[in-house]
Every structure is written in C-alpha cells, then in structure tokens.
Amino acid sequence: MTAIAIVSNGLLGVGAHRTKATLFVVEPLVVAVSFLLIADIDSPRGGAIRVRPQNLESLITSLRAQ
C-alpha cells in the first residue's frame, strides 16, 4: 500500500507540469483497481478471484488414506 501511494504521488508530480487531464483520471483508477483486487483476494467466501486450497485438500486425502 505504501509503495502504491509513493508511486502514485510520483506519477502525479511528474505529470503535473504537463497538465495532462488523462493522468488525473488514470491514476485514481489504477489505485482503485489495486485496492479492489486486494480486497477481493482478502474476502474468503466470495469475490471474482477464487483460489483453491490445494495444500489443504492434499492433507485431507493423505489423512484419509491412513
């Protein structure tokens, strides 16, 4: 999160002297998408990103085999 904030501030600082309006639209969108993806991975029951717990599934099968 700190790295995203530092890079975003640097991006705005470098682009400020050019007065490009697209920079002020793109930068908040990039930050918002990164926060969205972090929050999506952190939610255990729902979300767009699904991660299978393969190590836990293999542990269950190895314990049932014994």
PDB file of N, CA and C in Angstrom:
ATOM      1  N   MET A   1       0.819  -1.185   0.000  1.00  0.00           N
ATOM      2  CA  MET A   1       0.000   0.000   0.000  1.00  0.00           C
ATOM      3  C   MET A   1       0.869   1.257   0.000  1.00  0.00           C
ATOM      4  N   THR A   2       1.936   1.201   0.755  1.00  0.00           N
ATOM      5  CA  THR A   2       2.830   2.355   0.805  1.00  0.00           C
ATOM      6  C   THR A   2       3.501   2.580  -0.541  1.00  0.00           C
ATOM      7  N   ALA A   3       3.898   1.484  -1.184  1.00  0.00           N
ATOM      8  CA  ALA A   3       4.540   1.608  -2.495  1.00  0.00           C
ATOM      9  C   ALA A   3       3.566   2.170  -3.528  1.00  0.00           C
ATOM     10  N   ILE A   4       2.321   1.743  -3.469  1.00  0.00           N
ATOM     11  CA  ILE A   4       1.311   2.275  -4.397  1.00  0.00           C
ATOM     12  C   ILE A   4       1.132   3.775  -4.170  1.00  0.00           C
ATOM     13  N   ALA A   5       1.108   4.197  -2.912  1.00  0.00           N
ATOM     14  CA  ALA A   5       0.940   5.622  -2.605  1.00  0.00           C
ATOM     15  C   ALA A   5       2.138   6.435  -3.082  1.00  0.00           C
ATOM     16  N   ILE A   6       3.346   5.912  -2.876  1.00  0.00           N
ATOM     17  CA  ILE A   6       4.544   6.647  -3.292  1.00  0.00           C
ATOM     18  C   ILE A   6       4.613   6.766  -4.809  1.00  0.00           C
ATOM     19  N   VAL A   7       4.357   5.668  -5.508  1.00  0.00           N
ATOM     20  CA  VAL A   7       4.400   5.695  -6.970  1.00  0.00           C
ATOM     21  C   VAL A   7       3.304   6.597  -7.532  1.00  0.00           C
ATOM     22  N   SER A   8       2.142   6.572  -6.929  1.00  0.00           N
ATOM     23  CA  SER A   8       1.043   7.430  -7.399  1.00  0.00           C
ATOM     24  C   SER A   8       1.376   8.903  -7.211  1.00  0.00           C
ATOM     25  N   ASN A   9       1.934   9.236  -6.064  1.00  0.00           N
ATOM     26  CA  ASN A   9       2.314  10.639  -5.841  1.00  0.00           C
ATOM     27  C   ASN A   9       3.427  11.058  -6.795  1.00  0.00           C
ATOM     28  N   GLY A  10       4.373  10.168  -7.046  1.00  0.00           N
ATOM     29  CA  GLY A  10       5.427  10.480  -8.011  1.00  0.00           C
ATOM     30  C   GLY A  10       4.872  10.659  -9.408  1.00  0.00           C
ATOM     31  N   LEU A  11       3.913   9.798  -9.788  1.00  0.00           N
ATOM     32  CA  LEU A  11       3.296   9.902 -11.100  1.00  0.00           C
ATOM     33  C   LEU A  11       2.562  11.227 -11.265  1.00  0.00           C
ATOM     34  N   LEU A  12       1.860  11.634 -10.249  1.00  0.00           N
ATOM     35  CA  LEU A  12       1.166  12.920 -10.318  1.00  0.00           C
ATOM     36  C   LEU A  12       2.150  14.085 -10.322  1.00  0.00           C
ATOM     37  N   GLY A  13       3.225  13.958  -9.556  1.00  0.00           N
ATOM     38  CA  GLY A  13       4.215  15.033  -9.504  1.00  0.00           C
ATOM     39  C   GLY A  13       4.939  15.215 -10.824  1.00  0.00           C
ATOM     40  N   VAL A  14       5.295  14.100 -11.473  1.00  0.00           N
ATOM     41  CA  VAL A  14       5.979  14.175 -12.763  1.00  0.00           C
ATOM     42  C   VAL A  14       5.042  14.716 -13.842  1.00  0.00           C
ATOM     43  N   GLY A  15       3.814  14.301 -13.823  1.00  0.00           N
ATOM     44  CA  GLY A  15       2.877  14.709 -14.861  1.00  0.00           C
ATOM     45  C   GLY A  15       2.207  16.045 -14.610  1.00  0.00           C
ATOM     46  N   ALA A  16       2.424  16.641 -13.447  1.00  0.00           N
ATOM     47  CA  ALA A  16       1.727  17.883 -13.117  1.00  0.00           C
ATOM     48  C   ALA A  16       2.178  19.050 -13.981  1.00  0.00           C
ATOM     49  N   HIS A  17       3.437  19.067 -14.364  1.00  0.00           N
ATOM     50  CA  HIS A  17       3.901  20.195 -15.161  1.00  0.00           C
ATOM     51  C   HIS A  17       3.430  20.108 -16.609  1.00  0.00           C
ATOM     52  N   ARG A  18       2.976  18.953 -17.015  1.00  0.00           N
ATOM     53  CA  ARG A  18       2.446  18.801 -18.382  1.00  0.00           C
ATOM     54  C   ARG A  18       0.976  19.162 -18.471  1.00  0.00           C
ATOM     55  N   THR A  19       0.298  19.198 -17.354  1.00  0.00           N
ATOM     56  CA  THR A  19      -1.134  19.484 -17.234  1.00  0.00           C
ATOM     57  C   THR A  19      -1.974  18.582 -18.144  1.00  0.00           C
ATOM     58  N   LYS A  20      -1.682  17.305 -18.095  1.00  0.00           N
ATOM     59  CA  LYS A  20      -2.491  16.342 -18.851  1.00  0.00           C
ATOM     60  C   LYS A  20      -3.676  15.912 -17.997  1.00  0.00           C
ATOM     61  N   ALA A  21      -4.843  16.055 -18.528  1.00  0.00           N
ATOM     62  CA  ALA A  21      -6.052  15.687 -17.799  1.00  0.00           C
ATOM     63  C   ALA A  21      -6.206  14.172 -17.705  1.00  0.00           C
ATOM     64  N   THR A  22      -5.679  13.442 -18.670  1.00  0.00           N
ATOM     65  CA  THR A  22      -5.814  11.982 -18.631  1.00  0.00           C
ATOM     66  C   THR A  22      -5.050  11.372 -17.465  1.00  0.00           C
ATOM     67  N   LEU A  23      -3.939  11.994 -17.069  1.00  0.00           N
ATOM     68  CA  LEU A  23      -3.168  11.495 -15.941  1.00  0.00           C
ATOM     69  C   LEU A  23      -3.981  11.555 -14.662  1.00  0.00           C
ATOM     70  N   PHE A  24      -4.777  12.605 -14.500  1.00  0.00           N
ATOM     71  CA  PHE A  24      -5.580  12.751 -13.300  1.00  0.00           C
ATOM     72  C   PHE A  24      -6.795  11.831 -13.309  1.00  0.00           C
ATOM     73  N   VAL A  25      -7.086  11.199 -14.409  1.00  0.00           N
ATOM     74  CA  VAL A  25      -8.168  10.216 -14.481  1.00  0.00           C
ATOM     75  C   VAL A  25      -7.605   8.806 -14.348  1.00  0.00           C
ATOM     76  N   VAL A  26      -6.479   8.539 -14.979  1.00  0.00           N
ATOM     77  CA  VAL A  26      -5.910   7.195 -14.990  1.00  0.00           C
ATOM     78  C   VAL A  26      -5.353   6.809 -13.626  1.00  0.00           C
ATOM     79  N   GLU A  27      -4.662   7.725 -12.972  1.00  0.00           N
ATOM     80  CA  GLU A  27      -4.015   7.402 -11.698  1.00  0.00           C
ATOM     81  C   GLU A  27      -4.999   6.987 -10.615  1.00  0.00           C
ATOM     82  N   PRO A  28      -6.097   7.694 -10.384  1.00  0.00           N
ATOM     83  CA  PRO A  28      -7.066   7.219  -9.385  1.00  0.00           C
ATOM     84  C   PRO A  28      -7.706   5.885  -9.774  1.00  0.00           C
ATOM     85  N   LEU A  29      -7.886   5.647 -11.062  1.00  0.00           N
ATOM     86  CA  LEU A  29      -8.445   4.360 -11.486  1.00  0.00           C
ATOM     87  C   LEU A  29      -7.489   3.214 -11.187  1.00  0.00           C
ATOM     88  N   VAL A  30      -6.201   3.419 -11.404  1.00  0.00           N
ATOM     89  CA  VAL A  30      -5.214   2.380 -11.111  1.00  0.00           C
ATOM     90  C   VAL A  30      -5.185   2.073  -9.618  1.00  0.00           C
ATOM     91  N   VAL A  31      -5.226   3.096  -8.799  1.00  0.00           N
ATOM     92  CA  VAL A  31      -5.239   2.899  -7.347  1.00  0.00           C
ATOM     93  C   VAL A  31      -6.518   2.200  -6.916  1.00  0.00           C
ATOM     94  N   ALA A  32      -7.644   2.584  -7.479  1.00  0.00           N
ATOM     95  CA  ALA A  32      -8.914   1.958  -7.116  1.00  0.00           C
ATOM     96  C   ALA A  32      -8.947   0.491  -7.510  1.00  0.00           C
ATOM     97  N   VAL A  33      -8.426   0.159  -8.683  1.00  0.00           N
ATOM     98  CA  VAL A  33      -8.397  -1.241  -9.117  1.00  0.00           C
ATOM     99  C   VAL A  33      -7.465  -2.059  -8.222  1.00  0.00           C
ATOM    100  N   SER A  34      -6.344  -1.495  -7.835  1.00  0.00           N
ATOM    101  CA  SER A  34      -5.435  -2.233  -6.954  1.00  0.00           C
ATOM    102  C   SER A  34      -6.074  -2.482  -5.596  1.00  0.00           C
ATOM    103  N   PHE A  35      -6.762  -1.491  -5.042  1.00  0.00           N
ATOM    104  CA  PHE A  35      -7.477  -1.702  -3.781  1.00  0.00           C
ATOM    105  C   PHE A  35      -8.584  -2.736  -3.944  1.00  0.00           C
ATOM    106  N   LEU A  36      -9.277  -2.709  -5.062  1.00  0.00           N
ATOM    107  CA  LEU A  36     -10.341  -3.669  -5.314  1.00  0.00           C
ATOM    108  C   LEU A  36      -9.801  -5.094  -5.367  1.00  0.00           C
ATOM    109  N   LEU A  37      -8.678  -5.290  -6.049  1.00  0.00           N
ATOM    110  CA  LEU A  37      -8.092  -6.623  -6.145  1.00  0.00           C
ATOM    111  C   LEU A  37      -7.580  -7.114  -4.800  1.00  0.00           C
ATOM    112  N   ILE A  38      -6.985  -6.241  -4.015  1.00  0.00           N
ATOM    113  CA  ILE A  38      -6.522  -6.627  -2.685  1.00  0.00           C
ATOM    114  C   ILE A  38      -7.699  -7.009  -1.806  1.00  0.00           C
ATOM    115  N   ALA A  39      -8.761  -6.235  -1.837  1.00  0.00           N
ATOM    116  CA  ALA A  39      -9.945  -6.547  -1.038  1.00  0.00           C
ATOM    117  C   ALA A  39     -10.618  -7.821  -1.524  1.00  0.00           C
ATOM    118  N   ASP A  40     -10.583  -8.077  -2.825  1.00  0.00           N
ATOM    119  CA  ASP A  40     -11.208  -9.272  -3.379  1.00  0.00           C
ATOM    120  C   ASP A  40     -10.458 -10.525  -2.963  1.00  0.00           C
ATOM    121  N   ILE A  41      -9.151 -10.475  -2.949  1.00  0.00           N
ATOM    122  CA  ILE A  41      -8.364 -11.633  -2.513  1.00  0.00           C
ATOM    123  C   ILE A  41      -8.565 -11.882  -1.025  1.00  0.00           C
ATOM    124  N   ASP A  42      -8.766 -10.814  -0.258  1.00  0.00           N
ATOM    125  CA  ASP A  42      -8.882 -10.931   1.190  1.00  0.00           C
ATOM    126  C   ASP A  42     -10.234 -11.487   1.630  1.00  0.00           C
ATOM    127  N   SER A  43     -11.260 -11.421   0.790  1.00  0.00           N
ATOM    128  CA  SER A  43     -12.567 -11.937   1.183  1.00  0.00           C
ATOM    129  C   SER A  43     -12.606 -13.455   0.982  1.00  0.00           C
ATOM    130  N   PRO A  44     -12.855 -14.209   2.043  1.00  0.00           N
ATOM    131  CA  PRO A  44     -12.733 -15.664   1.943  1.00  0.00           C
ATOM    132  C   PRO A  44     -13.888 -16.368   1.236  1.00  0.00           C
ATOM    133  N   ARG A  45     -15.094 -15.867   1.295  1.00  0.00           N
ATOM    134  CA  ARG A  45     -16.239 -16.611   0.791  1.00  0.00           C
ATOM    135  C   ARG A  45     -16.722 -16.181  -0.583  1.00  0.00           C
ATOM    136  N   GLY A  46     -16.390 -14.996  -1.006  1.00  0.00           N
ATOM    137  CA  GLY A  46     -16.891 -14.522  -2.285  1.00  0.00           C
ATOM    138  C   GLY A  46     -15.850 -13.715  -3.012  1.00  0.00           C
ATOM    139  N   GLY A  47     -16.232 -13.250  -4.176  1.00  0.00           N
ATOM    140  CA  GLY A  47     -15.336 -12.416  -4.953  1.00  0.00           C
ATOM    141  C   GLY A  47     -15.085 -12.991  -6.325  1.00  0.00           C
ATOM    142  N   ALA A  48     -14.407 -12.233  -7.140  1.00  0.00           N
ATOM    143  CA  ALA A  48     -14.122 -12.649  -8.508  1.00  0.00           C
ATOM    144  C   ALA A  48     -12.915 -13.574  -8.582  1.00  0.00           C
ATOM    145  N   ILE A  49     -11.974 -13.422  -7.667  1.00  0.00           N
ATOM    146  CA  ILE A  49     -10.768 -14.246  -7.666  1.00  0.00           C
ATOM    147  C   ILE A  49     -10.994 -15.424  -6.735  1.00  0.00           C
ATOM    148  N   ARG A  50     -10.905 -16.609  -7.280  1.00  0.00           N
ATOM    149  CA  ARG A  50     -11.084 -17.838  -6.494  1.00  0.00           C
ATOM    150  C   ARG A  50      -9.756 -18.575  -6.424  1.00  0.00           C
ATOM    151  N   VAL A  51      -9.367 -18.960  -5.218  1.00  0.00           N
ATOM    152  CA  VAL A  51      -8.115 -19.684  -5.005  1.00  0.00           C
ATOM    153  C   VAL A  51      -8.457 -21.001  -4.329  1.00  0.00           C
ATOM    154  N   ARG A  52      -8.064 -22.103  -4.965  1.00  0.00           N
ATOM    155  CA  ARG A  52      -8.296 -23.423  -4.374  1.00  0.00           C
ATOM    156  C   ARG A  52      -7.201 -23.726  -3.359  1.00  0.00           C
ATOM    157  N   PRO A  53      -7.577 -24.173  -2.160  1.00  0.00           N
ATOM    158  CA  PRO A  53      -6.573 -24.531  -1.161  1.00  0.00           C
ATOM    159  C   PRO A  53      -6.017 -25.934  -1.432  1.00  0.00           C
ATOM    160  N   GLN A  54      -5.121 -26.040  -2.388  1.00  0.00           N
ATOM    161  CA  GLN A  54      -4.614 -27.349  -2.810  1.00  0.00           C
ATOM    162  C   GLN A  54      -3.840 -28.049  -1.711  1.00  0.00           C
ATOM    163  N   ASN A  55      -3.091 -27.302  -0.907  1.00  0.00           N
ATOM    164  CA  ASN A  55      -2.337 -27.947   0.152  1.00  0.00           C
ATOM    165  C   ASN A  55      -3.254 -28.549   1.216  1.00  0.00           C
ATOM    166  N   LEU A  56      -4.370 -27.885   1.519  1.00  0.00           N
ATOM    167  CA  LEU A  56      -5.316 -28.443   2.482  1.00  0.00           C
ATOM    168  C   LEU A  56      -6.045 -29.652   1.917  1.00  0.00           C
ATOM    169  N   GLU A  57      -6.376 -29.616   0.622  1.00  0.00           N
ATOM    170  CA  GLU A  57      -7.029 -30.767   0.003  1.00  0.00           C
ATOM    171  C   GLU A  57      -6.107 -31.981  -0.017  1.00  0.00           C
ATOM    172  N   SER A  58      -4.829 -31.786  -0.291  1.00  0.00           N
ATOM    173  CA  SER A  58      -3.891 -32.912  -0.279  1.00  0.00           C
ATOM    174  C   SER A  58      -3.676 -33.442   1.123  1.00  0.00           C
ATOM    175  N   LEU A  59      -3.740 -32.576   2.134  1.00  0.00           N
ATOM    176  CA  LEU A  59      -3.638 -33.020   3.520  1.00  0.00           C
ATOM    177  C   LEU A  59      -4.825 -33.879   3.894  1.00  0.00           C
ATOM    178  N   ILE A  60      -6.013 -33.483   3.480  1.00  0.00           N
ATOM    179  CA  ILE A  60      -7.215 -34.266   3.773  1.00  0.00           C
ATOM    180  C   ILE A  60      -7.125 -35.648   3.132  1.00  0.00           C
ATOM    181  N   THR A  61      -6.718 -35.707   1.873  1.00  0.00           N
ATOM    182  CA  THR A  61      -6.613 -37.018   1.208  1.00  0.00           C
ATOM    183  C   THR A  61      -5.528 -37.876   1.842  1.00  0.00           C
ATOM    184  N   SER A  62      -4.447 -37.295   2.296  1.00  0.00           N
ATOM    185  CA  SER A  62      -3.399 -38.102   2.925  1.00  0.00           C
ATOM    186  C   SER A  62      -3.829 -38.584   4.298  1.00  0.00           C
ATOM    187  N   LEU A  63      -4.628 -37.796   5.008  1.00  0.00           N
ATOM    188  CA  LEU A  63      -5.107 -38.233   6.326  1.00  0.00           C
ATOM    189  C   LEU A  63      -6.174 -39.324   6.181  1.00  0.00           C
ATOM    190  N   ARG A  64      -6.979 -39.263   5.129  1.00  0.00           N
ATOM    191  CA  ARG A  64      -7.998 -40.300   4.919  1.00  0.00           C
ATOM    192  C   ARG A  64      -7.374 -41.611   4.477  1.00  0.00           C
ATOM    193  N   ALA A  65      -6.218 -41.561   3.834  1.00  0.00           N
ATOM    194  CA  ALA A  65      -5.561 -42.773   3.356  1.00  0.00           C
ATOM    195  C   ALA A  65      -4.962 -43.578   4.502  1.00  0.00           C
ATOM    196  N   GLN A  66      -4.693 -42.952   5.596  1.00  0.00           N
ATOM    197  CA  GLN A  66      -4.052 -43.653   6.729  1.00  0.00           C
ATOM    198  C   GLN A  66      -5.010 -44.443   7.530  1.00  0.00           C
TER     199      GLN A  66
END
